[in-house]
Amino acid sequence: YILPRIDMALIMTVNPGLGGQALV
């Protein structure tokens, strides 16, 4: 429902918070 109101959707391709992880 929010999609028409936003400019960008960010799909996290790792679990957030730690760098250097492999893409899920």
PDB file of all heavy atoms in Angstrom:
ATOM      1  N   TYR A   1       0.808  -1.222   0.000  1.00  0.00           N
ATOM      2  CA  TYR A   1       0.000   0.000   0.000  1.00  0.00           C
ATOM      3  C   TYR A   1       0.840   1.270   0.000  1.00  0.00           C
ATOM      4  O   TYR A   1       0.385   2.314  -0.482  1.00  0.00           O
ATOM      5  CB  TYR A   1      -0.971  -0.013   1.193  1.00  0.00           C
ATOM      6  CG  TYR A   1      -1.938  -1.156   1.128  1.00  0.00           C
ATOM      7  CD1 TYR A   1      -1.823  -2.244   1.986  1.00  0.00           C
ATOM      8  CD2 TYR A   1      -2.937  -1.179   0.156  1.00  0.00           C
ATOM      9  CE1 TYR A   1      -2.705  -3.325   1.900  1.00  0.00           C
ATOM     10  CE2 TYR A   1      -3.818  -2.244   0.063  1.00  0.00           C
ATOM     11  CZ  TYR A   1      -3.700  -3.322   0.934  1.00  0.00           C
ATOM     12  OH  TYR A   1      -4.561  -4.377   0.829  1.00  0.00           O
ATOM     13  N   ILE A   2       2.054   1.186   0.495  1.00  0.00           N
ATOM     14  CA  ILE A   2       2.905   2.377   0.573  1.00  0.00           C
ATOM     15  C   ILE A   2       3.692   2.597  -0.720  1.00  0.00           C
ATOM     16  O   ILE A   2       4.189   3.697  -0.974  1.00  0.00           O
ATOM     17  CB  ILE A   2       3.879   2.257   1.777  1.00  0.00           C
ATOM     18  CG1 ILE A   2       4.398   3.629   2.220  1.00  0.00           C
ATOM     19  CG2 ILE A   2       5.049   1.334   1.469  1.00  0.00           C
ATOM     20  CD1 ILE A   2       3.446   4.424   3.034  1.00  0.00           C
ATOM     21  N   LEU A   3       3.774   1.576  -1.560  1.00  0.00           N
ATOM     22  CA  LEU A   3       4.633   1.630  -2.748  1.00  0.00           C
ATOM     23  C   LEU A   3       4.388   2.851  -3.639  1.00  0.00           C
ATOM     24  O   LEU A   3       5.352   3.491  -4.078  1.00  0.00           O
ATOM     25  CB  LEU A   3       4.485   0.336  -3.552  1.00  0.00           C
ATOM     26  CG  LEU A   3       5.554   0.033  -4.603  1.00  0.00           C
ATOM     27  CD1 LEU A   3       6.948  -0.023  -3.992  1.00  0.00           C
ATOM     28  CD2 LEU A   3       5.244  -1.302  -5.291  1.00  0.00           C
ATOM     29  N   PRO A   4       3.140   3.242  -3.913  1.00  0.00           N
ATOM     30  CA  PRO A   4       2.944   4.415  -4.773  1.00  0.00           C
ATOM     31  C   PRO A   4       3.437   5.728  -4.157  1.00  0.00           C
ATOM     32  O   PRO A   4       3.603   6.719  -4.864  1.00  0.00           O
ATOM     33  CB  PRO A   4       1.421   4.448  -4.978  1.00  0.00           C
ATOM     34  CG  PRO A   4       0.943   3.076  -4.674  1.00  0.00           C
ATOM     35  CD  PRO A   4       1.852   2.585  -3.607  1.00  0.00           C
ATOM     36  N   ARG A   5       3.668   5.745  -2.845  1.00  0.00           N
ATOM     37  CA  ARG A   5       4.062   6.973  -2.161  1.00  0.00           C
ATOM     38  C   ARG A   5       5.579   7.115  -2.029  1.00  0.00           C
ATOM     39  O   ARG A   5       6.052   8.183  -1.629  1.00  0.00           O
ATOM     40  CB  ARG A   5       3.453   7.010  -0.753  1.00  0.00           C
ATOM     41  CG  ARG A   5       1.943   7.024  -0.725  1.00  0.00           C
ATOM     42  CD  ARG A   5       1.460   7.594   0.605  1.00  0.00           C
ATOM     43  NE  ARG A   5       1.942   8.964   0.765  1.00  0.00           N
ATOM     44  CZ  ARG A   5       2.381   9.459   1.911  1.00  0.00           C
ATOM     45  NH1 ARG A   5       2.410   8.722   2.999  1.00  0.00           N
ATOM     46  NH2 ARG A   5       2.797  10.706   1.982  1.00  0.00           N
ATOM     47  N   ILE A   6       6.321   6.061  -2.297  1.00  0.00           N
ATOM     48  CA  ILE A   6       7.759   6.127  -2.050  1.00  0.00           C
ATOM     49  C   ILE A   6       8.528   6.194  -3.365  1.00  0.00           C
ATOM     50  O   ILE A   6       8.020   5.843  -4.436  1.00  0.00           O
ATOM     51  CB  ILE A   6       8.248   4.948  -1.193  1.00  0.00           C
ATOM     52  CG1 ILE A   6       8.052   3.603  -1.905  1.00  0.00           C
ATOM     53  CG2 ILE A   6       7.545   4.963   0.158  1.00  0.00           C
ATOM     54  CD1 ILE A   6       8.596   2.415  -1.129  1.00  0.00           C
ATOM     55  N   ASP A   7       9.753   6.657  -3.272  1.00  0.00           N
ATOM     56  CA  ASP A   7      10.611   6.816  -4.447  1.00  0.00           C
ATOM     57  C   ASP A   7      11.552   5.638  -4.632  1.00  0.00           C
ATOM     58  O   ASP A   7      12.017   5.388  -5.741  1.00  0.00           O
ATOM     59  CB  ASP A   7      11.433   8.107  -4.308  1.00  0.00           C
ATOM     60  CG  ASP A   7      10.538   9.324  -4.120  1.00  0.00           C
ATOM     61  OD1 ASP A   7       9.961   9.774  -5.121  1.00  0.00           O
ATOM     62  OD2 ASP A   7      10.396   9.801  -2.973  1.00  0.00           O
ATOM     63  N   MET A   8      11.825   4.935  -3.527  1.00  0.00           N
ATOM     64  CA  MET A   8      12.778   3.832  -3.606  1.00  0.00           C
ATOM     65  C   MET A   8      12.425   2.756  -2.587  1.00  0.00           C
ATOM     66  O   MET A   8      12.031   3.060  -1.457  1.00  0.00           O
ATOM     67  CB  MET A   8      14.201   4.348  -3.342  1.00  0.00           C
ATOM     68  CG  MET A   8      15.291   3.312  -3.518  1.00  0.00           C
ATOM     69  SD  MET A   8      16.940   4.072  -3.486  1.00  0.00           S
ATOM     70  CE  MET A   8      17.093   4.465  -1.737  1.00  0.00           C
ATOM     71  N   ALA A   9      12.556   1.508  -3.003  1.00  0.00           N
ATOM     72  CA  ALA A   9      12.442   0.373  -2.096  1.00  0.00           C
ATOM     73  C   ALA A   9      13.830  -0.246  -1.967  1.00  0.00           C
ATOM     74  O   ALA A   9      14.481  -0.532  -2.975  1.00  0.00           O
ATOM     75  CB  ALA A   9      11.450  -0.655  -2.634  1.00  0.00           C
ATOM     76  N   LEU A  10      14.278  -0.421  -0.738  1.00  0.00           N
ATOM     77  CA  LEU A  10      15.592  -1.012  -0.492  1.00  0.00           C
ATOM     78  C   LEU A  10      15.398  -2.444  -0.015  1.00  0.00           C
ATOM     79  O   LEU A  10      14.805  -2.686   1.040  1.00  0.00           O
ATOM     80  CB  LEU A  10      16.344  -0.197   0.568  1.00  0.00           C
ATOM     81  CG  LEU A  10      17.601  -0.807   1.193  1.00  0.00           C
ATOM     82  CD1 LEU A  10      18.585  -1.270   0.133  1.00  0.00           C
ATOM     83  CD2 LEU A  10      18.264   0.171   2.144  1.00  0.00           C
ATOM     84  N   ILE A  11      15.889  -3.378  -0.801  1.00  0.00           N
ATOM     85  CA  ILE A  11      15.868  -4.785  -0.420  1.00  0.00           C
ATOM     86  C   ILE A  11      17.224  -5.122   0.180  1.00  0.00           C
ATOM     87  O   ILE A  11      18.251  -5.100  -0.516  1.00  0.00           O
ATOM     88  CB  ILE A  11      15.572  -5.700  -1.622  1.00  0.00           C
ATOM     89  CG1 ILE A  11      14.219  -5.342  -2.257  1.00  0.00           C
ATOM     90  CG2 ILE A  11      15.620  -7.171  -1.203  1.00  0.00           C
ATOM     91  CD1 ILE A  11      13.031  -5.507  -1.356  1.00  0.00           C
ATOM     92  N   MET A  12      17.241  -5.392   1.483  1.00  0.00           N
ATOM     93  CA  MET A  12      18.482  -5.804   2.118  1.00  0.00           C
ATOM     94  C   MET A  12      18.853  -7.201   1.619  1.00  0.00           C
ATOM     95  O   MET A  12      18.053  -8.135   1.718  1.00  0.00           O
ATOM     96  CB  MET A  12      18.329  -5.816   3.644  1.00  0.00           C
ATOM     97  CG  MET A  12      18.174  -4.445   4.270  1.00  0.00           C
ATOM     98  SD  MET A  12      19.594  -3.348   3.992  1.00  0.00           S
ATOM     99  CE  MET A  12      20.935  -4.287   4.743  1.00  0.00           C
ATOM    100  N   THR A  13      20.050  -7.317   1.097  1.00  0.00           N
ATOM    101  CA  THR A  13      20.505  -8.599   0.560  1.00  0.00           C
ATOM    102  C   THR A  13      21.427  -9.330   1.530  1.00  0.00           C
ATOM    103  O   THR A  13      21.965 -10.391   1.224  1.00  0.00           O
ATOM    104  CB  THR A  13      21.193  -8.391  -0.804  1.00  0.00           C
ATOM    105  OG1 THR A  13      22.030  -7.223  -0.750  1.00  0.00           O
ATOM    106  CG2 THR A  13      20.148  -8.170  -1.896  1.00  0.00           C
ATOM    107  N   VAL A  14      21.574  -8.744   2.722  1.00  0.00           N
ATOM    108  CA  VAL A  14      22.185  -9.415   3.876  1.00  0.00           C
ATOM    109  C   VAL A  14      21.389  -8.984   5.105  1.00  0.00           C
ATOM    110  O   VAL A  14      20.586  -8.057   5.040  1.00  0.00           O
ATOM    111  CB  VAL A  14      23.674  -9.021   4.080  1.00  0.00           C
ATOM    112  CG1 VAL A  14      24.516  -9.432   2.882  1.00  0.00           C
ATOM    113  CG2 VAL A  14      23.830  -7.527   4.369  1.00  0.00           C
ATOM    114  N   ASN A  15      21.647  -9.634   6.225  1.00  0.00           N
ATOM    115  CA  ASN A  15      21.041  -9.182   7.473  1.00  0.00           C
ATOM    116  C   ASN A  15      21.730  -7.893   7.892  1.00  0.00           C
ATOM    117  O   ASN A  15      22.959  -7.824   7.919  1.00  0.00           O
ATOM    118  CB  ASN A  15      21.185 -10.252   8.547  1.00  0.00           C
ATOM    119  CG  ASN A  15      20.358 -11.481   8.227  1.00  0.00           C
ATOM    120  OD1 ASN A  15      19.161 -11.376   7.981  1.00  0.00           O
ATOM    121  ND2 ASN A  15      20.987 -12.638   8.199  1.00  0.00           N
ATOM    122  N   PRO A  16      20.974  -6.841   8.197  1.00  0.00           N
ATOM    123  CA  PRO A  16      21.573  -5.524   8.390  1.00  0.00           C
ATOM    124  C   PRO A  16      22.411  -5.430   9.658  1.00  0.00           C
ATOM    125  O   PRO A  16      22.139  -6.091  10.655  1.00  0.00           O
ATOM    126  CB  PRO A  16      20.358  -4.596   8.468  1.00  0.00           C
ATOM    127  CG  PRO A  16      19.259  -5.466   8.963  1.00  0.00           C
ATOM    128  CD  PRO A  16      19.509  -6.815   8.379  1.00  0.00           C
ATOM    129  N   GLY A  17      23.437  -4.567   9.571  1.00  0.00           N
ATOM    130  CA  GLY A  17      24.191  -4.221  10.763  1.00  0.00           C
ATOM    131  C   GLY A  17      25.644  -4.632  10.770  1.00  0.00           C
ATOM    132  O   GLY A  17      26.442  -4.109  11.539  1.00  0.00           O
ATOM    133  N   LEU A  18      26.020  -5.566   9.909  1.00  0.00           N
ATOM    134  CA  LEU A  18      27.400  -6.045   9.876  1.00  0.00           C
ATOM    135  C   LEU A  18      27.900  -6.052   8.433  1.00  0.00           C
ATOM    136  O   LEU A  18      27.217  -6.556   7.536  1.00  0.00           O
ATOM    137  CB  LEU A  18      27.500  -7.458  10.466  1.00  0.00           C
ATOM    138  CG  LEU A  18      27.145  -7.605  11.952  1.00  0.00           C
ATOM    139  CD1 LEU A  18      27.077  -9.075  12.330  1.00  0.00           C
ATOM    140  CD2 LEU A  18      28.149  -6.873  12.827  1.00  0.00           C
ATOM    141  N   GLY A  19      29.083  -5.513   8.202  1.00  0.00           N
ATOM    142  CA  GLY A  19      29.653  -5.497   6.858  1.00  0.00           C
ATOM    143  C   GLY A  19      30.323  -6.809   6.515  1.00  0.00           C
ATOM    144  O   GLY A  19      30.584  -7.652   7.379  1.00  0.00           O
ATOM    145  N   GLY A  20      30.600  -7.004   5.233  1.00  0.00           N
ATOM    146  CA  GLY A  20      31.368  -8.155   4.786  1.00  0.00           C
ATOM    147  C   GLY A  20      30.612  -9.462   4.692  1.00  0.00           C
ATOM    148  O   GLY A  20      31.220 -10.524   4.522  1.00  0.00           O
ATOM    149  N   GLN A  21      29.269  -9.433   4.795  1.00  0.00           N
ATOM    150  CA  GLN A  21      28.495 -10.668   4.700  1.00  0.00           C
ATOM    151  C   GLN A  21      28.283 -11.076   3.245  1.00  0.00           C
ATOM    152  O   GLN A  21      28.323 -10.251   2.339  1.00  0.00           O
ATOM    153  CB  GLN A  21      27.120 -10.485   5.344  1.00  0.00           C
ATOM    154  CG  GLN A  21      27.120 -10.133   6.807  1.00  0.00           C
ATOM    155  CD  GLN A  21      25.695  -9.945   7.315  1.00  0.00           C
ATOM    156  OE1 GLN A  21      24.893 -10.871   7.360  1.00  0.00           O
ATOM    157  NE2 GLN A  21      25.375  -8.709   7.681  1.00  0.00           N
ATOM    158  N   ALA A  22      28.035 -12.378   3.045  1.00  0.00           N
ATOM    159  CA  ALA A  22      27.706 -12.882   1.710  1.00  0.00           C
ATOM    160  C   ALA A  22      26.245 -12.607   1.403  1.00  0.00           C
ATOM    161  O   ALA A  22      25.385 -12.657   2.292  1.00  0.00           O
ATOM    162  CB  ALA A  22      27.980 -14.376   1.628  1.00  0.00           C
ATOM    163  N   LEU A  23      25.957 -12.306   0.151  1.00  0.00           N
ATOM    164  CA  LEU A  23      24.591 -12.041  -0.292  1.00  0.00           C
ATOM    165  C   LEU A  23      23.699 -13.253  -0.023  1.00  0.00           C
ATOM    166  O   LEU A  23      24.078 -14.394  -0.301  1.00  0.00           O
ATOM    167  CB  LEU A  23      24.609 -11.688  -1.776  1.00  0.00           C
ATOM    168  CG  LEU A  23      23.286 -11.324  -2.436  1.00  0.00           C
ATOM    169  CD1 LEU A  23      23.507 -10.245  -3.489  1.00  0.00           C
ATOM    170  CD2 LEU A  23      22.654 -12.544  -3.093  1.00  0.00           C
ATOM    171  N   VAL A  24      22.517 -12.997   0.521  1.00  0.00           N
ATOM    172  CA  VAL A  24      21.526 -14.050   0.767  1.00  0.00           C
ATOM    173  C   VAL A  24      20.792 -14.313  -0.551  1.00  0.00           C
ATOM    174  O   VAL A  24      20.088 -13.431  -1.051  1.00  0.00           O
ATOM    175  CB  VAL A  24      20.530 -13.621   1.864  1.00  0.00           C
ATOM    176  CG1 VAL A  24      19.465 -14.698   2.066  1.00  0.00           C
ATOM    177  CG2 VAL A  24      21.262 -13.320   3.172  1.00  0.00           C
TER     178      VAL A  24
END
